[in-house]
Amino acid sequence: MGQEPASTFFSHVKPGDTPYKAGGLRDFFLYRDLGIAGATQGKVIAHLVKANMAPTDGTGWHYHVCDFQIVVMMKGWAKFMYEDKVTLVEAGDVVHQRPGMVHYLFDYSPDMEYLEIVSPADFGSVEAPAATANVPPVTPWK
């Protein structure tokens, strides 16, 4: 061990090393790259995601084309529909989303921030039919 050729690389990203940026998967969120996609040569991506605008329509119903996905809620809260069930994910909660699971993030707090880890790094997002029409309303920001 330790002598094999590396297929991944060491990475150490400090808070000031990478900024939050718009232009990610959702325009109402900001994304901070944690350097993992580069270090793993695209095997895994890890980024911090935080609220940038008040919720209106949310993410819409979709699923991800991936092998693995977890969300670790760092601050605030978000409400997801996982198939036809409302799930409140609060700071400290960890969610493993199985591949292909239809979901919809429809509400979140102004301070919402989560860590998302997905494999592969270039995972896809595919629109899906609604699992239910019974989605609660969003919570207005003050």
Protein backbone atom coordinates (compact mmCIF):
# COMPACT_ATOMS: atom_id res chain seq x y z
CA MET A 1 0.00 0.00 0.00
CA GLY A 2 1.24 3.47 -0.81
CA GLN A 3 3.36 2.24 -3.74
CA GLU A 4 0.62 1.91 -6.37
CA PRO A 5 0.21 4.61 -9.03
CA ALA A 6 -2.31 7.18 -7.82
CA SER A 7 -5.65 7.40 -9.62
CA THR A 8 -6.63 10.24 -7.28
CA PHE A 9 -4.68 13.14 -5.87
CA PHE A 10 -4.31 14.87 -2.53
CA SER A 11 -6.52 17.94 -2.18
CA HIS A 12 -6.81 20.51 0.60
CA VAL A 13 -9.22 23.40 0.04
CA LYS A 14 -9.53 26.10 2.69
CA PRO A 15 -12.63 28.33 3.06
CA GLY A 16 -11.05 31.27 1.21
CA ASP A 17 -9.61 29.16 -1.62
CA THR A 18 -12.80 28.78 -3.67
CA PRO A 19 -15.67 31.29 -3.80
CA TYR A 20 -19.38 30.64 -4.06
CA LYS A 21 -20.45 31.08 -7.68
CA ALA A 22 -23.66 31.25 -9.66
CA GLY A 23 -24.04 29.22 -12.82
CA GLY A 24 -24.46 25.79 -11.29
CA LEU A 25 -27.33 23.39 -11.80
CA ARG A 26 -29.89 25.80 -10.25
CA ASP A 27 -29.86 29.59 -10.69
CA PHE A 28 -31.39 30.20 -7.25
CA PHE A 29 -28.43 28.51 -5.51
CA LEU A 30 -24.73 29.37 -5.26
CA TYR A 31 -22.09 26.63 -5.49
CA ARG A 32 -18.62 26.34 -3.95
CA ASP A 33 -16.29 23.80 -5.52
CA LEU A 34 -14.32 21.78 -2.98
CA GLY A 35 -11.72 20.47 -5.44
CA ILE A 36 -12.79 16.85 -5.24
CA ALA A 37 -13.75 16.41 -8.91
CA GLY A 38 -10.23 17.42 -9.92
CA ALA A 39 -8.57 15.34 -7.22
CA THR A 40 -10.55 12.22 -8.19
CA GLN A 41 -10.27 12.78 -11.94
CA GLY A 42 -14.04 13.09 -12.21
CA LYS A 43 -14.97 10.08 -10.09
CA VAL A 44 -16.65 12.19 -7.38
CA ILE A 45 -17.80 15.78 -6.96
CA ALA A 46 -18.24 17.54 -3.62
CA HIS A 47 -19.58 21.05 -3.40
CA LEU A 48 -21.29 23.32 -0.94
CA VAL A 49 -24.66 24.65 -2.09
CA LYS A 50 -26.42 27.60 -0.50
CA ALA A 51 -29.62 29.56 -1.01
CA ASN A 52 -29.27 32.61 -3.22
CA MET A 53 -32.93 33.54 -3.88
CA ALA A 54 -36.24 32.85 -2.17
CA PRO A 55 -37.99 29.69 -3.35
CA THR A 56 -40.69 30.01 -5.99
CA ASP A 57 -40.91 26.93 -8.18
CA GLY A 58 -38.09 24.90 -6.66
CA THR A 59 -36.11 22.38 -8.65
CA GLY A 60 -39.04 20.73 -10.37
CA TRP A 61 -39.45 16.97 -10.40
CA HIS A 62 -36.27 15.22 -11.51
CA TYR A 63 -33.83 12.42 -10.85
CA HIS A 64 -30.07 12.18 -11.16
CA VAL A 65 -28.12 9.82 -13.36
CA CYS A 66 -25.43 8.83 -10.91
CA ASP A 67 -24.05 5.95 -8.87
CA PHE A 68 -24.08 7.64 -5.45
CA GLN A 69 -25.42 10.85 -3.89
CA ILE A 70 -25.59 12.20 -0.36
CA VAL A 71 -26.68 15.54 1.02
CA VAL A 72 -25.41 16.76 4.40
CA MET A 73 -27.44 19.76 5.60
CA MET A 74 -24.93 22.15 7.16
CA LYS A 75 -27.20 25.11 7.98
CA GLY A 76 -30.91 25.88 7.87
CA TRP A 77 -33.40 23.48 6.33
CA ALA A 78 -34.91 22.31 3.07
CA LYS A 79 -38.11 20.47 2.23
CA PHE A 80 -37.95 17.79 -0.40
CA MET A 81 -40.54 15.58 -1.99
CA TYR A 82 -38.94 12.16 -2.23
CA GLU A 83 -41.32 10.43 -4.57
CA ASP A 84 -44.72 11.21 -2.93
CA LYS A 85 -43.43 11.93 0.61
CA VAL A 86 -42.53 15.32 2.14
CA THR A 87 -39.16 15.15 3.92
CA LEU A 88 -37.82 17.99 6.09
CA VAL A 89 -34.02 17.96 6.07
CA GLU A 90 -32.52 20.11 8.84
CA ALA A 91 -28.99 21.13 9.87
CA GLY A 92 -27.08 18.00 10.88
CA ASP A 93 -29.25 15.62 8.81
CA VAL A 94 -27.73 13.33 6.18
CA VAL A 95 -29.72 12.00 3.23
CA HIS A 96 -28.61 9.21 0.92
CA GLN A 97 -30.54 9.58 -2.31
CA ARG A 98 -30.59 6.31 -4.19
CA PRO A 99 -29.74 6.54 -7.89
CA GLY A 100 -32.74 7.39 -10.06
CA MET A 101 -34.96 8.46 -7.15
CA VAL A 102 -37.52 11.02 -8.33
CA HIS A 103 -37.47 14.08 -6.08
CA TYR A 104 -38.23 17.78 -5.89
CA LEU A 105 -36.62 20.34 -3.56
CA PHE A 106 -39.49 22.81 -3.19
CA ASP A 107 -38.77 24.93 -0.09
CA TYR A 108 -35.74 26.08 1.91
CA SER A 109 -34.65 28.62 4.51
CA PRO A 110 -32.64 31.76 3.63
CA ASP A 111 -29.62 30.33 5.47
CA MET A 112 -29.82 26.86 3.86
CA GLU A 113 -26.43 25.39 3.05
CA TYR A 114 -25.64 21.78 2.28
CA LEU A 115 -22.73 19.62 1.25
CA GLU A 116 -23.50 17.43 -1.73
CA ILE A 117 -21.31 14.49 -2.74
CA VAL A 118 -22.08 12.72 -6.01
CA SER A 119 -20.42 10.09 -8.17
CA PRO A 120 -19.57 10.52 -10.95
CA ALA A 121 -18.70 14.23 -10.96
CA ASP A 122 -20.47 14.84 -14.27
CA PHE A 123 -23.77 13.31 -13.11
CA GLY A 124 -26.89 14.08 -15.09
CA SER A 125 -30.19 15.61 -14.01
CA VAL A 126 -33.32 14.47 -15.87
CA GLU A 127 -36.79 16.01 -15.62
CA ALA A 128 -39.41 13.52 -14.45
CA PRO A 129 -43.19 13.36 -14.21
CA ALA A 130 -44.59 14.54 -10.87
CA ALA A 131 -44.85 11.75 -8.32
CA THR A 132 -47.78 13.63 -6.75
CA ALA A 133 -49.69 16.87 -7.28
CA ASN A 134 -49.87 17.33 -3.50
CA VAL A 135 -46.82 19.59 -2.91
CA PRO A 136 -47.12 21.99 0.06
CA PRO A 137 -46.64 25.74 -0.50
CA VAL A 138 -43.27 27.42 0.08
CA THR A 139 -42.51 29.38 3.24
CA PRO A 140 -42.15 33.11 2.37
CA TRP A 141 -38.87 34.75 3.37
CA LYS A 142 -39.11 37.82 5.60
